[in-house]
């Protein structure tokens, strides 16, 4: 039987063309008026996933890393 990708992972992780896993940074949903421009301005893809999380994320997404 074919392995299914975990829905929770595919909603939160984007894979780039070079194979990097990108995650969104936190603190962008509410109370934005009190946060600085610099704090709110992040890349649309977010940040590279931490090294310690890559093994777990690749298992959830069914990709080999």
C-alpha atoms as a PDB file:
ATOM      1  CA  UNK A   1       0.000   0.000   0.000  1.00  0.00           C
ATOM      2  CA  UNK A   2       1.222   3.494  -0.814  1.00  0.00           C
ATOM      3  CA  UNK A   3       2.408   5.651   2.113  1.00  0.00           C
ATOM      4  CA  UNK A   4       0.329   8.735   2.853  1.00  0.00           C
ATOM      5  CA  UNK A   5       1.849  12.128   3.636  1.00  0.00           C
ATOM      6  CA  UNK A   6       0.835  13.533   7.023  1.00  0.00           C
ATOM      7  CA  UNK A   7      -1.623  16.397   6.471  1.00  0.00           C
ATOM      8  CA  UNK A   8      -0.226  18.408   9.378  1.00  0.00           C
ATOM      9  CA  UNK A   9       3.232  18.440   7.775  1.00  0.00           C
ATOM     10  CA  UNK A  10       2.180  19.281   4.227  1.00  0.00           C
ATOM     11  CA  UNK A  11       0.204  22.295   5.487  1.00  0.00           C
ATOM     12  CA  UNK A  12       3.168  23.718   7.405  1.00  0.00           C
ATOM     13  CA  UNK A  13       6.299  22.829   5.419  1.00  0.00           C
ATOM     14  CA  UNK A  14       7.273  23.989   1.926  1.00  0.00           C
ATOM     15  CA  UNK A  15       9.998  22.294  -0.093  1.00  0.00           C
ATOM     16  CA  UNK A  16      12.195  24.511  -2.267  1.00  0.00           C
ATOM     17  CA  UNK A  17      13.640  23.477  -5.593  1.00  0.00           C
ATOM     18  CA  UNK A  18      17.002  22.786  -4.005  1.00  0.00           C
ATOM     19  CA  UNK A  19      15.408  20.496  -1.385  1.00  0.00           C
ATOM     20  CA  UNK A  20      15.393  22.817   1.627  1.00  0.00           C
ATOM     21  CA  UNK A  21      12.468  22.629   4.036  1.00  0.00           C
ATOM     22  CA  UNK A  22      11.003  26.020   4.868  1.00  0.00           C
ATOM     23  CA  UNK A  23       8.791  26.798   7.873  1.00  0.00           C
ATOM     24  CA  UNK A  24       6.786  29.925   8.659  1.00  0.00           C
ATOM     25  CA  UNK A  25       7.957  32.015  11.585  1.00  0.00           C
ATOM     26  CA  UNK A  26       5.552  32.480  14.473  1.00  0.00           C
ATOM     27  CA  UNK A  27       3.905  35.701  15.751  1.00  0.00           C
ATOM     28  CA  UNK A  28       2.285  36.986  12.540  1.00  0.00           C
ATOM     29  CA  UNK A  29      -1.406  36.433  13.222  1.00  0.00           C
ATOM     30  CA  UNK A  30      -2.605  38.995  15.747  1.00  0.00           C
ATOM     31  CA  UNK A  31      -1.528  42.026  17.792  1.00  0.00           C
ATOM     32  CA  UNK A  32       0.435  43.226  14.753  1.00  0.00           C
ATOM     33  CA  UNK A  33       0.040  46.937  15.518  1.00  0.00           C
ATOM     34  CA  UNK A  34       2.341  46.667  18.516  1.00  0.00           C
ATOM     35  CA  UNK A  35       5.084  44.826  16.595  1.00  0.00           C
ATOM     36  CA  UNK A  36       7.854  46.527  14.649  1.00  0.00           C
ATOM     37  CA  UNK A  37       8.107  46.462  10.842  1.00  0.00           C
ATOM     38  CA  UNK A  38      11.273  44.429  11.104  1.00  0.00           C
ATOM     39  CA  UNK A  39       9.547  41.841  13.275  1.00  0.00           C
ATOM     40  CA  UNK A  40       6.662  41.485  10.805  1.00  0.00           C
ATOM     41  CA  UNK A  41       8.779  41.462   7.633  1.00  0.00           C
ATOM     42  CA  UNK A  42       9.863  37.890   6.921  1.00  0.00           C
ATOM     43  CA  UNK A  43      10.430  36.001   3.696  1.00  0.00           C
ATOM     44  CA  UNK A  44       7.246  34.554   2.145  1.00  0.00           C
ATOM     45  CA  UNK A  45       8.673  31.061   2.523  1.00  0.00           C
ATOM     46  CA  UNK A  46       9.779  31.698   6.105  1.00  0.00           C
ATOM     47  CA  UNK A  47      12.996  30.243   7.478  1.00  0.00           C
ATOM     48  CA  UNK A  48      14.984  27.078   6.862  1.00  0.00           C
ATOM     49  CA  UNK A  49      13.890  24.228   9.154  1.00  0.00           C
ATOM     50  CA  UNK A  50      16.279  23.513  12.050  1.00  0.00           C
ATOM     51  CA  UNK A  51      18.686  20.622  11.514  1.00  0.00           C
ATOM     52  CA  UNK A  52      17.234  18.671  14.423  1.00  0.00           C
ATOM     53  CA  UNK A  53      13.743  18.708  12.874  1.00  0.00           C
ATOM     54  CA  UNK A  54      14.687  17.708   9.324  1.00  0.00           C
ATOM     55  CA  UNK A  55      14.737  13.957   9.968  1.00  0.00           C
ATOM     56  CA  UNK A  56      11.285  14.032  11.555  1.00  0.00           C
ATOM     57  CA  UNK A  57       9.841  16.292   8.846  1.00  0.00           C
ATOM     58  CA  UNK A  58      11.203  14.139   6.036  1.00  0.00           C
ATOM     59  CA  UNK A  59       9.594  11.094   7.650  1.00  0.00           C
ATOM     60  CA  UNK A  60       6.240  12.887   7.929  1.00  0.00           C
ATOM     61  CA  UNK A  61       6.439  14.066   4.312  1.00  0.00           C
ATOM     62  CA  UNK A  62       7.669  10.673   3.007  1.00  0.00           C
ATOM     63  CA  UNK A  63      10.756  12.080   1.310  1.00  0.00           C
ATOM     64  CA  UNK A  64      14.335  10.913   1.571  1.00  0.00           C
ATOM     65  CA  UNK A  65      16.786  13.518   2.906  1.00  0.00           C
END
